Each structure stands twice: as structure tokens, then as C-alpha cells.
Amino acid sequence: MKRYRIYPEETVFYYATCTIINWLPVFQDDTYFQIIIKSLKYCQEHKGLILHGFIIMPTHLHLIVSNKPDTSLADIMRDFKHYTSTQIIKVLETDEKSYYFSTFTKAAKKRHLNQTYKVWQDEYHPIALKYGRWFVQKLQYMHDNPVRKGFVESPEDWKYSSARNWLNDDNNIIEISKLDSF
């Protein structure tokens, strides 16, 4: 039995994590962060993704999401990871960062996949946030991530975080769906 479960019969928020293979620090310059942002925007506009919170760290990203009726979060996340991995590989090739490729190639071969590279670890570990306190706890946890790592002093100082949206009403990077009761 899987530990993570999608509840199609209910409206639930999910805390999801996507991690780069071997926790490699791919997200080190704006180009890579923008791949994620552009794909999230596309998923919002065309796939039914509702984004409530996010943080993109050098090795992984956390999301708090839900999805519109008649859409599948599993399908959205599958397409998101497929598209972003393809784009990340293209940029790594352009930037001549070949040291990532051996790790991504080994990961693909281990899984016997019909692909050359595997960028993301399997799954996205959706944790259902059925109670408001869980939502707030996960939102605070992910917003504090760059502070705990010593990258910034305040959560809203991290450019690729919804802390800016929640605390400063700053939607310049991407719009999120806030909840009235929080």
C-alpha cells in the first residue's frame, strides 16, 4: 500500500515535493528557476493546477496545490516533471554543465527507462492537508526553508517563494490562490 494518496472524491490541498536526482543543486541561476515558474504558470492556465504556495530551492521544490474539478493532480504533476526535466537538460547542455549528465544517465539506466536522462526522483509525495493547521504548518515550513539553510534572513527575501505573495502581496513571479481564512 502506498503511503501517499490522492483523494479524487474530495477537495483537498496537497503538499508536494519534487527532488532532483541525488539532490544535485540544479537551481543555481535564474534560467533554471524560470523553467519551473513557466511550467507552473502553464499548468495553472491549461491543466487545472491551483497553486497555493511554493518554494524552489537549489535541489528541490515544495508546492501546496489543489486542482480544478475534472482534472487529475497526478496527470498534472507527471506532465510538469516531464516538461521541466526536458527543459532542464536542454539548458544544462547549452550551459555545458556536463557533470550532471552522468548522474542523470545512471538514474535512467537503473530504472530501465526508455530515456537518456532522469532528472527528478520518482513520485512527488502528495500529502493531503485536510485541516487548516496542516496547511499553515506546511506553508510556514517551506517558506522558512531558505532561512534555515542560511540563504536569506527573512522568508520573503527568497525570490522564488510564495512567502512574497503571502506576506507582501507580491505576485510578480507568479500568482497564487490564497485562502480567505488564512
N, C-alpha and C. Protein backbone atom coordinates (compact mmCIF):
# COMPACT_ATOMS: atom_id res chain seq x y z
N MET A 1 0.83 -1.18 0.00
CA MET A 1 0.00 0.00 0.00
C MET A 1 0.88 1.25 0.00
N LYS A 2 0.57 2.18 -0.88
CA LYS A 2 1.35 3.42 -0.96
C LYS A 2 1.04 4.32 0.22
N ARG A 3 2.06 5.02 0.68
CA ARG A 3 1.92 5.95 1.79
C ARG A 3 1.22 7.24 1.35
N TYR A 4 1.41 7.61 0.11
CA TYR A 4 0.85 8.86 -0.41
C TYR A 4 -0.37 8.53 -1.25
N ARG A 5 -1.42 9.33 -1.07
CA ARG A 5 -2.66 9.02 -1.76
C ARG A 5 -3.34 10.31 -2.21
N ILE A 6 -3.90 10.27 -3.40
CA ILE A 6 -4.73 11.35 -3.92
C ILE A 6 -6.18 11.00 -3.60
N TYR A 7 -6.93 11.99 -3.17
CA TYR A 7 -8.33 11.80 -2.82
C TYR A 7 -9.20 12.46 -3.89
N PRO A 8 -9.54 11.73 -4.96
CA PRO A 8 -10.29 12.36 -6.06
C PRO A 8 -11.70 12.76 -5.68
N GLU A 9 -12.25 12.16 -4.65
CA GLU A 9 -13.63 12.46 -4.29
C GLU A 9 -13.79 13.71 -3.44
N GLU A 10 -12.70 14.31 -3.02
CA GLU A 10 -12.76 15.47 -2.13
C GLU A 10 -11.93 16.62 -2.68
N THR A 11 -12.25 17.82 -2.21
CA THR A 11 -11.37 18.95 -2.47
C THR A 11 -10.37 18.98 -1.32
N VAL A 12 -9.12 18.73 -1.66
CA VAL A 12 -8.07 18.65 -0.66
C VAL A 12 -6.87 19.43 -1.19
N PHE A 13 -6.15 20.03 -0.29
CA PHE A 13 -4.88 20.65 -0.65
C PHE A 13 -3.79 19.60 -0.45
N TYR A 14 -2.77 19.68 -1.29
CA TYR A 14 -1.66 18.74 -1.18
C TYR A 14 -0.34 19.48 -1.04
N TYR A 15 0.47 18.95 -0.17
CA TYR A 15 1.85 19.40 -0.02
C TYR A 15 2.68 18.41 -0.82
N ALA A 16 3.35 18.88 -1.86
CA ALA A 16 4.11 18.01 -2.74
C ALA A 16 5.57 18.44 -2.80
N THR A 17 6.43 17.47 -2.96
CA THR A 17 7.86 17.74 -3.04
C THR A 17 8.42 17.06 -4.28
N CYS A 18 9.16 17.81 -5.07
CA CYS A 18 9.87 17.27 -6.23
C CYS A 18 11.37 17.50 -5.98
N THR A 19 12.14 16.43 -6.09
CA THR A 19 13.56 16.50 -5.76
C THR A 19 14.39 16.04 -6.95
N ILE A 20 15.45 16.78 -7.22
CA ILE A 20 16.39 16.41 -8.27
C ILE A 20 17.13 15.14 -7.85
N ILE A 21 17.42 14.28 -8.80
CA ILE A 21 18.18 13.05 -8.54
C ILE A 21 19.45 13.39 -7.75
N ASN A 22 19.71 12.60 -6.72
CA ASN A 22 20.90 12.75 -5.86
C ASN A 22 21.00 14.14 -5.23
N TRP A 23 19.91 14.85 -5.18
CA TRP A 23 19.87 16.18 -4.57
C TRP A 23 20.91 17.11 -5.20
N LEU A 24 21.11 16.97 -6.50
CA LEU A 24 22.06 17.85 -7.19
C LEU A 24 21.51 19.27 -7.24
N PRO A 25 22.36 20.27 -7.00
CA PRO A 25 21.89 21.67 -6.96
C PRO A 25 21.75 22.29 -8.35
N VAL A 26 20.72 21.89 -9.05
CA VAL A 26 20.48 22.37 -10.41
C VAL A 26 20.05 23.84 -10.42
N PHE A 27 19.22 24.22 -9.46
CA PHE A 27 18.64 25.55 -9.45
C PHE A 27 19.60 26.54 -8.81
N GLN A 28 20.53 27.01 -9.63
CA GLN A 28 21.54 27.94 -9.14
C GLN A 28 21.54 29.27 -9.87
N ASP A 29 20.83 29.33 -10.98
CA ASP A 29 20.71 30.64 -11.63
C ASP A 29 19.31 30.80 -12.18
N ASP A 30 18.97 32.01 -12.49
CA ASP A 30 17.61 32.40 -12.83
C ASP A 30 17.00 31.56 -13.95
N THR A 31 17.80 31.17 -14.92
CA THR A 31 17.28 30.40 -16.06
C THR A 31 16.59 29.13 -15.59
N TYR A 32 17.19 28.43 -14.63
CA TYR A 32 16.63 27.17 -14.15
C TYR A 32 15.38 27.40 -13.30
N PHE A 33 15.40 28.44 -12.48
CA PHE A 33 14.20 28.78 -11.70
C PHE A 33 13.04 29.12 -12.63
N GLN A 34 13.34 29.83 -13.71
CA GLN A 34 12.30 30.25 -14.65
C GLN A 34 11.65 29.06 -15.36
N ILE A 35 12.39 27.98 -15.55
CA ILE A 35 11.79 26.77 -16.13
C ILE A 35 10.63 26.30 -15.26
N ILE A 36 10.86 26.29 -13.97
CA ILE A 36 9.82 25.84 -13.04
C ILE A 36 8.65 26.82 -13.04
N ILE A 37 8.94 28.10 -12.95
CA ILE A 37 7.88 29.11 -12.91
C ILE A 37 7.03 29.06 -14.18
N LYS A 38 7.68 29.02 -15.33
CA LYS A 38 6.93 28.98 -16.59
C LYS A 38 6.04 27.74 -16.68
N SER A 39 6.56 26.62 -16.22
CA SER A 39 5.77 25.40 -16.27
C SER A 39 4.61 25.45 -15.28
N LEU A 40 4.84 25.99 -14.10
CA LEU A 40 3.73 26.15 -13.15
C LEU A 40 2.64 27.05 -13.72
N LYS A 41 3.05 28.15 -14.36
CA LYS A 41 2.07 29.05 -14.98
C LYS A 41 1.27 28.33 -16.07
N TYR A 42 1.96 27.55 -16.87
CA TYR A 42 1.28 26.79 -17.92
C TYR A 42 0.26 25.82 -17.31
N CYS A 43 0.69 25.12 -16.27
CA CYS A 43 -0.20 24.17 -15.61
C CYS A 43 -1.40 24.87 -14.97
N GLN A 44 -1.20 26.09 -14.48
CA GLN A 44 -2.32 26.87 -13.95
C GLN A 44 -3.30 27.23 -15.05
N GLU A 45 -2.79 27.67 -16.17
CA GLU A 45 -3.63 28.17 -17.27
C GLU A 45 -4.28 27.06 -18.09
N HIS A 46 -3.59 25.92 -18.23
CA HIS A 46 -4.06 24.91 -19.19
C HIS A 46 -4.35 23.53 -18.61
N LYS A 47 -3.91 23.25 -17.41
CA LYS A 47 -4.04 21.88 -16.90
C LYS A 47 -4.91 21.76 -15.66
N GLY A 48 -5.31 22.89 -15.07
CA GLY A 48 -6.18 22.83 -13.90
C GLY A 48 -5.46 22.89 -12.56
N LEU A 49 -4.18 23.22 -12.56
CA LEU A 49 -3.43 23.35 -11.32
C LEU A 49 -3.85 24.61 -10.58
N ILE A 50 -4.05 24.49 -9.28
CA ILE A 50 -4.29 25.65 -8.42
C ILE A 50 -3.12 25.69 -7.46
N LEU A 51 -2.34 26.74 -7.54
CA LEU A 51 -1.12 26.89 -6.75
C LEU A 51 -1.41 27.78 -5.55
N HIS A 52 -1.16 27.25 -4.35
CA HIS A 52 -1.42 27.99 -3.11
C HIS A 52 -0.11 28.41 -2.43
N GLY A 53 0.95 27.72 -2.73
CA GLY A 53 2.24 28.04 -2.14
C GLY A 53 3.34 27.28 -2.85
N PHE A 54 4.55 27.84 -2.82
CA PHE A 54 5.67 27.17 -3.47
C PHE A 54 6.99 27.70 -2.90
N ILE A 55 8.01 26.91 -3.08
CA ILE A 55 9.39 27.35 -2.84
C ILE A 55 10.27 26.51 -3.76
N ILE A 56 11.18 27.18 -4.43
CA ILE A 56 12.15 26.47 -5.27
C ILE A 56 13.51 26.65 -4.60
N MET A 57 14.07 25.55 -4.16
CA MET A 57 15.38 25.53 -3.53
C MET A 57 16.39 24.99 -4.56
N PRO A 58 17.68 25.05 -4.27
CA PRO A 58 18.66 24.58 -5.26
C PRO A 58 18.51 23.12 -5.69
N THR A 59 17.99 22.27 -4.79
CA THR A 59 17.93 20.83 -5.08
C THR A 59 16.53 20.27 -5.19
N HIS A 60 15.53 21.06 -4.85
CA HIS A 60 14.17 20.54 -4.80
C HIS A 60 13.17 21.70 -4.77
N LEU A 61 11.90 21.33 -4.85
CA LEU A 61 10.86 22.33 -4.70
C LEU A 61 9.71 21.74 -3.91
N HIS A 62 9.02 22.60 -3.18
CA HIS A 62 7.82 22.23 -2.44
C HIS A 62 6.67 23.03 -3.02
N LEU A 63 5.52 22.39 -3.07
CA LEU A 63 4.31 23.04 -3.57
C LEU A 63 3.16 22.74 -2.62
N ILE A 64 2.27 23.69 -2.47
CA ILE A 64 0.96 23.41 -1.90
C ILE A 64 -0.02 23.68 -3.03
N VAL A 65 -0.73 22.64 -3.42
CA VAL A 65 -1.55 22.70 -4.62
C VAL A 65 -2.91 22.03 -4.40
N SER A 66 -3.80 22.35 -5.28
CA SER A 66 -5.04 21.61 -5.46
C SER A 66 -5.29 21.62 -6.96
N ASN A 67 -6.37 21.03 -7.38
CA ASN A 67 -6.65 21.03 -8.82
C ASN A 67 -8.14 21.22 -9.06
N LYS A 68 -8.42 21.74 -10.23
CA LYS A 68 -9.80 22.00 -10.61
C LYS A 68 -10.53 20.68 -10.82
N PRO A 69 -11.87 20.71 -10.65
CA PRO A 69 -12.66 19.50 -10.91
C PRO A 69 -12.40 19.00 -12.34
N ASP A 70 -12.54 17.73 -12.51
CA ASP A 70 -12.36 17.07 -13.81
C ASP A 70 -10.92 17.14 -14.31
N THR A 71 -9.98 17.37 -13.40
CA THR A 71 -8.56 17.28 -13.73
C THR A 71 -7.91 16.33 -12.73
N SER A 72 -6.76 15.87 -13.06
CA SER A 72 -6.05 14.92 -12.21
C SER A 72 -4.73 15.52 -11.75
N LEU A 73 -4.54 15.61 -10.45
CA LEU A 73 -3.27 16.12 -9.94
C LEU A 73 -2.12 15.22 -10.36
N ALA A 74 -2.33 13.94 -10.37
CA ALA A 74 -1.28 13.01 -10.80
C ALA A 74 -0.86 13.30 -12.24
N ASP A 75 -1.82 13.54 -13.12
CA ASP A 75 -1.51 13.86 -14.52
C ASP A 75 -0.79 15.20 -14.63
N ILE A 76 -1.25 16.18 -13.86
CA ILE A 76 -0.60 17.49 -13.89
C ILE A 76 0.85 17.37 -13.47
N MET A 77 1.10 16.68 -12.37
CA MET A 77 2.46 16.55 -11.86
C MET A 77 3.34 15.73 -12.80
N ARG A 78 2.78 14.69 -13.40
CA ARG A 78 3.53 13.89 -14.38
C ARG A 78 3.98 14.78 -15.54
N ASP A 79 3.05 15.56 -16.09
CA ASP A 79 3.38 16.43 -17.22
C ASP A 79 4.36 17.53 -16.82
N PHE A 80 4.17 18.08 -15.63
CA PHE A 80 5.06 19.11 -15.11
C PHE A 80 6.50 18.57 -15.01
N LYS A 81 6.66 17.41 -14.41
CA LYS A 81 8.00 16.85 -14.24
C LYS A 81 8.63 16.45 -15.58
N HIS A 82 7.82 15.93 -16.48
CA HIS A 82 8.34 15.55 -17.80
C HIS A 82 8.84 16.79 -18.56
N TYR A 83 8.00 17.81 -18.61
CA TYR A 83 8.37 19.02 -19.34
C TYR A 83 9.60 19.69 -18.71
N THR A 84 9.58 19.87 -17.40
CA THR A 84 10.70 20.57 -16.76
C THR A 84 12.00 19.80 -16.88
N SER A 85 11.93 18.48 -16.82
CA SER A 85 13.18 17.71 -16.97
C SER A 85 13.76 17.89 -18.37
N THR A 86 12.91 17.89 -19.37
CA THR A 86 13.38 18.12 -20.74
C THR A 86 14.02 19.50 -20.89
N GLN A 87 13.38 20.50 -20.32
CA GLN A 87 13.92 21.86 -20.41
C GLN A 87 15.22 22.02 -19.61
N ILE A 88 15.27 21.42 -18.44
CA ILE A 88 16.49 21.47 -17.63
C ILE A 88 17.66 20.86 -18.38
N ILE A 89 17.44 19.72 -19.01
CA ILE A 89 18.51 19.06 -19.79
C ILE A 89 18.98 19.98 -20.92
N LYS A 90 18.05 20.59 -21.63
CA LYS A 90 18.42 21.49 -22.73
C LYS A 90 19.31 22.64 -22.23
N VAL A 91 18.94 23.23 -21.10
CA VAL A 91 19.71 24.36 -20.58
C VAL A 91 21.07 23.88 -20.05
N LEU A 92 21.09 22.72 -19.40
CA LEU A 92 22.37 22.17 -18.94
C LEU A 92 23.31 21.93 -20.12
N GLU A 93 22.77 21.44 -21.23
CA GLU A 93 23.58 21.23 -22.43
C GLU A 93 24.11 22.55 -22.96
N THR A 94 23.25 23.54 -23.05
CA THR A 94 23.65 24.87 -23.52
C THR A 94 24.72 25.48 -22.62
N ASP A 95 24.54 25.30 -21.30
CA ASP A 95 25.49 25.85 -20.32
C ASP A 95 26.74 24.98 -20.17
N GLU A 96 26.78 23.88 -20.91
CA GLU A 96 27.91 22.94 -20.88
C GLU A 96 28.20 22.45 -19.45
N LYS A 97 27.14 22.12 -18.75
CA LYS A 97 27.27 21.57 -17.40
C LYS A 97 27.15 20.05 -17.46
N SER A 98 28.10 19.45 -18.14
CA SER A 98 28.06 18.02 -18.42
C SER A 98 28.22 17.15 -17.18
N TYR A 99 28.72 17.70 -16.09
CA TYR A 99 28.93 16.91 -14.87
C TYR A 99 27.61 16.39 -14.30
N TYR A 100 26.48 16.97 -14.66
CA TYR A 100 25.18 16.46 -14.22
C TYR A 100 24.76 15.21 -15.01
N PHE A 101 25.23 15.11 -16.24
CA PHE A 101 24.70 14.09 -17.13
C PHE A 101 25.01 12.67 -16.71
N SER A 102 26.18 12.42 -16.14
CA SER A 102 26.49 11.04 -15.74
C SER A 102 25.53 10.57 -14.65
N THR A 103 25.21 11.43 -13.72
CA THR A 103 24.27 11.07 -12.65
C THR A 103 22.88 10.84 -13.23
N PHE A 104 22.44 11.72 -14.11
CA PHE A 104 21.11 11.58 -14.69
C PHE A 104 21.03 10.35 -15.61
N THR A 105 22.12 10.03 -16.29
CA THR A 105 22.15 8.84 -17.14
C THR A 105 22.09 7.57 -16.30
N LYS A 106 22.87 7.52 -15.23
CA LYS A 106 22.85 6.34 -14.34
C LYS A 106 21.46 6.13 -13.75
N ALA A 107 20.81 7.21 -13.37
CA ALA A 107 19.47 7.11 -12.79
C ALA A 107 18.48 6.54 -13.80
N ALA A 108 18.59 6.96 -15.04
CA ALA A 108 17.69 6.45 -16.08
C ALA A 108 17.97 4.97 -16.34
N LYS A 109 19.23 4.58 -16.38
CA LYS A 109 19.58 3.17 -16.62
C LYS A 109 19.14 2.28 -15.48
N LYS A 110 19.26 2.75 -14.25
CA LYS A 110 18.83 1.97 -13.08
C LYS A 110 17.36 1.62 -13.16
N ARG A 111 16.59 2.54 -13.64
CA ARG A 111 15.14 2.35 -13.73
C ARG A 111 14.73 1.66 -15.02
N HIS A 112 15.71 1.35 -15.85
CA HIS A 112 15.44 0.71 -17.14
C HIS A 112 14.40 1.48 -17.94
N LEU A 113 14.56 2.78 -17.91
CA LEU A 113 13.64 3.64 -18.63
C LEU A 113 14.10 3.81 -20.07
N ASN A 114 13.17 4.06 -20.92
CA ASN A 114 13.49 4.29 -22.32
C ASN A 114 13.77 5.78 -22.51
N GLN A 115 14.73 6.26 -21.77
CA GLN A 115 15.13 7.66 -21.87
C GLN A 115 16.61 7.75 -21.55
N THR A 116 17.20 8.85 -21.95
CA THR A 116 18.63 9.04 -21.74
C THR A 116 18.93 9.56 -20.34
N TYR A 117 18.10 10.47 -19.85
CA TYR A 117 18.34 11.11 -18.56
C TYR A 117 17.11 11.02 -17.67
N LYS A 118 17.36 10.95 -16.39
CA LYS A 118 16.30 11.05 -15.38
C LYS A 118 16.70 12.17 -14.43
N VAL A 119 15.95 13.27 -14.44
CA VAL A 119 16.28 14.46 -13.68
C VAL A 119 15.64 14.45 -12.30
N TRP A 120 14.37 14.07 -12.24
CA TRP A 120 13.61 14.11 -10.98
C TRP A 120 13.57 12.74 -10.33
N GLN A 121 13.61 12.70 -9.02
CA GLN A 121 13.34 11.46 -8.29
C GLN A 121 11.90 11.05 -8.54
N ASP A 122 11.63 9.76 -8.38
CA ASP A 122 10.27 9.27 -8.56
C ASP A 122 9.32 9.92 -7.56
N GLU A 123 8.06 9.92 -7.95
CA GLU A 123 6.99 10.43 -7.11
C GLU A 123 7.09 11.95 -6.89
N TYR A 124 6.12 12.46 -6.21
CA TYR A 124 6.11 13.85 -5.77
C TYR A 124 5.54 13.93 -4.36
N HIS A 125 5.29 12.78 -3.79
CA HIS A 125 4.92 12.62 -2.39
C HIS A 125 3.78 13.53 -1.93
N PRO A 126 2.59 13.41 -2.53
CA PRO A 126 1.50 14.29 -2.13
C PRO A 126 0.97 13.96 -0.73
N ILE A 127 1.03 14.91 0.13
CA ILE A 127 0.50 14.77 1.48
C ILE A 127 -0.77 15.61 1.56
N ALA A 128 -1.88 14.96 1.85
CA ALA A 128 -3.16 15.66 1.94
C ALA A 128 -3.18 16.56 3.17
N LEU A 129 -3.55 17.80 2.96
CA LEU A 129 -3.65 18.78 4.03
C LEU A 129 -5.13 19.03 4.29
N LYS A 130 -5.75 18.17 5.07
CA LYS A 130 -7.20 18.22 5.27
C LYS A 130 -7.62 19.24 6.31
N TYR A 131 -6.69 19.73 7.09
CA TYR A 131 -7.03 20.67 8.15
C TYR A 131 -6.23 21.95 7.96
N GLY A 132 -6.84 23.08 8.31
CA GLY A 132 -6.20 24.37 8.15
C GLY A 132 -4.86 24.47 8.85
N ARG A 133 -4.74 23.87 10.03
CA ARG A 133 -3.47 23.94 10.75
C ARG A 133 -2.35 23.22 9.99
N TRP A 134 -2.70 22.15 9.26
CA TRP A 134 -1.68 21.44 8.46
C TRP A 134 -1.23 22.32 7.30
N PHE A 135 -2.19 23.00 6.69
CA PHE A 135 -1.88 23.91 5.59
C PHE A 135 -0.90 24.98 6.06
N VAL A 136 -1.23 25.62 7.17
CA VAL A 136 -0.38 26.69 7.72
C VAL A 136 0.99 26.14 8.11
N GLN A 137 1.01 24.98 8.73
CA GLN A 137 2.29 24.38 9.15
C GLN A 137 3.20 24.12 7.96
N LYS A 138 2.67 23.53 6.90
CA LYS A 138 3.49 23.24 5.72
C LYS A 138 3.90 24.52 5.00
N LEU A 139 3.00 25.49 4.94
CA LEU A 139 3.32 26.76 4.30
C LEU A 139 4.48 27.44 5.04
N GLN A 140 4.41 27.48 6.35
CA GLN A 140 5.49 28.09 7.14
C GLN A 140 6.79 27.31 7.01
N TYR A 141 6.68 25.98 7.04
CA TYR A 141 7.87 25.14 6.89
C TYR A 141 8.60 25.44 5.59
N MET A 142 7.85 25.45 4.48
CA MET A 142 8.52 25.66 3.20
C MET A 142 9.02 27.09 3.06
N HIS A 143 8.30 28.06 3.56
CA HIS A 143 8.76 29.45 3.48
C HIS A 143 10.02 29.67 4.33
N ASP A 144 10.15 28.94 5.42
CA ASP A 144 11.33 29.08 6.28
C ASP A 144 12.54 28.29 5.77
N ASN A 145 12.35 27.47 4.77
CA ASN A 145 13.43 26.63 4.26
C ASN A 145 14.69 27.42 3.89
N PRO A 146 14.62 28.48 3.11
CA PRO A 146 15.85 29.20 2.77
C PRO A 146 16.46 29.95 3.97
N VAL A 147 15.64 30.26 4.95
CA VAL A 147 16.15 30.89 6.17
C VAL A 147 16.94 29.85 6.97
N ARG A 148 16.37 28.66 7.14
CA ARG A 148 17.06 27.58 7.86
C ARG A 148 18.39 27.23 7.20
N LYS A 149 18.44 27.30 5.86
CA LYS A 149 19.66 26.98 5.12
C LYS A 149 20.67 28.13 5.13
N GLY A 150 20.27 29.28 5.64
CA GLY A 150 21.17 30.43 5.72
C GLY A 150 21.30 31.21 4.42
N PHE A 151 20.38 31.01 3.48
CA PHE A 151 20.42 31.72 2.20
C PHE A 151 19.91 33.16 2.33
N VAL A 152 18.93 33.37 3.20
CA VAL A 152 18.32 34.69 3.41
C VAL A 152 17.99 34.85 4.89
N GLU A 153 17.71 36.10 5.27
CA GLU A 153 17.35 36.35 6.67
C GLU A 153 15.85 36.26 6.91
N SER A 154 15.05 36.59 5.91
CA SER A 154 13.59 36.56 6.02
C SER A 154 13.01 35.74 4.87
N PRO A 155 11.94 34.99 5.12
CA PRO A 155 11.35 34.17 4.06
C PRO A 155 11.03 34.95 2.78
N GLU A 156 10.52 36.18 2.93
CA GLU A 156 10.13 36.96 1.75
C GLU A 156 11.33 37.46 0.95
N ASP A 157 12.54 37.29 1.47
CA ASP A 157 13.74 37.68 0.73
C ASP A 157 14.12 36.66 -0.34
N TRP A 158 13.60 35.44 -0.24
CA TRP A 158 13.90 34.41 -1.24
C TRP A 158 13.00 34.66 -2.44
N LYS A 159 13.61 34.94 -3.58
CA LYS A 159 12.87 35.37 -4.77
C LYS A 159 11.84 34.34 -5.23
N TYR A 160 12.20 33.08 -5.20
CA TYR A 160 11.32 32.05 -5.74
C TYR A 160 10.58 31.33 -4.62
N SER A 161 9.74 32.10 -3.95
CA SER A 161 8.95 31.59 -2.84
C SER A 161 7.63 32.35 -2.78
N SER A 162 6.59 31.64 -2.40
CA SER A 162 5.30 32.31 -2.25
C SER A 162 5.23 33.11 -0.96
N ALA A 163 6.28 33.11 -0.16
CA ALA A 163 6.32 34.00 1.02
C ALA A 163 6.12 35.44 0.57
N ARG A 164 6.66 35.78 -0.58
CA ARG A 164 6.49 37.13 -1.13
C ARG A 164 5.03 37.41 -1.44
N ASN A 165 4.32 36.41 -1.96
CA ASN A 165 2.90 36.55 -2.26
C ASN A 165 2.09 36.70 -0.97
N TRP A 166 2.33 35.81 -0.03
CA TRP A 166 1.55 35.77 1.20
C TRP A 166 1.84 36.97 2.10
N LEU A 167 3.10 37.36 2.23
CA LEU A 167 3.46 38.41 3.18
C LEU A 167 3.45 39.82 2.59
N ASN A 168 3.75 39.94 1.30
CA ASN A 168 3.87 41.27 0.68
C ASN A 168 2.86 41.51 -0.44
N ASP A 169 1.96 40.59 -0.67
CA ASP A 169 1.04 40.66 -1.82
C ASP A 169 1.80 40.91 -3.12
N ASP A 170 2.95 40.28 -3.25
CA ASP A 170 3.82 40.43 -4.43
C ASP A 170 3.59 39.25 -5.37
N ASN A 171 2.88 39.49 -6.47
CA ASN A 171 2.59 38.45 -7.44
C ASN A 171 3.44 38.58 -8.70
N ASN A 172 4.58 39.25 -8.60
CA ASN A 172 5.43 39.48 -9.77
C ASN A 172 6.00 38.20 -10.37
N ILE A 173 6.33 37.23 -9.54
CA ILE A 173 6.92 35.98 -10.04
C ILE A 173 5.82 35.09 -10.61
N ILE A 174 4.80 34.84 -9.80
CA ILE A 174 3.67 34.01 -10.22
C ILE A 174 2.51 34.28 -9.27
N GLU A 175 1.30 34.17 -9.78
CA GLU A 175 0.13 34.36 -8.93
C GLU A 175 -0.18 33.06 -8.21
N ILE A 176 -0.64 33.20 -6.99
CA ILE A 176 -1.09 32.05 -6.23
C ILE A 176 -2.53 32.28 -5.81
N SER A 177 -3.18 31.21 -5.40
CA SER A 177 -4.56 31.31 -4.88
C SER A 177 -4.47 31.26 -3.37
N LYS A 178 -4.69 32.41 -2.76
CA LYS A 178 -4.72 32.49 -1.30
C LYS A 178 -6.09 32.03 -0.81
N LEU A 179 -6.11 31.60 0.41
CA LEU A 179 -7.35 31.20 1.03
C LEU A 179 -7.81 32.30 1.96
N ASP A 180 -9.06 32.64 1.91
CA ASP A 180 -9.58 33.75 2.71
C ASP A 180 -9.38 33.55 4.20
N SER A 181 -9.43 32.33 4.66
CA SER A 181 -9.39 32.08 6.10
C SER A 181 -7.97 32.04 6.67
N PHE A 182 -6.95 32.33 5.85
CA PHE A 182 -5.57 32.26 6.38
C PHE A 182 -4.93 33.64 6.36
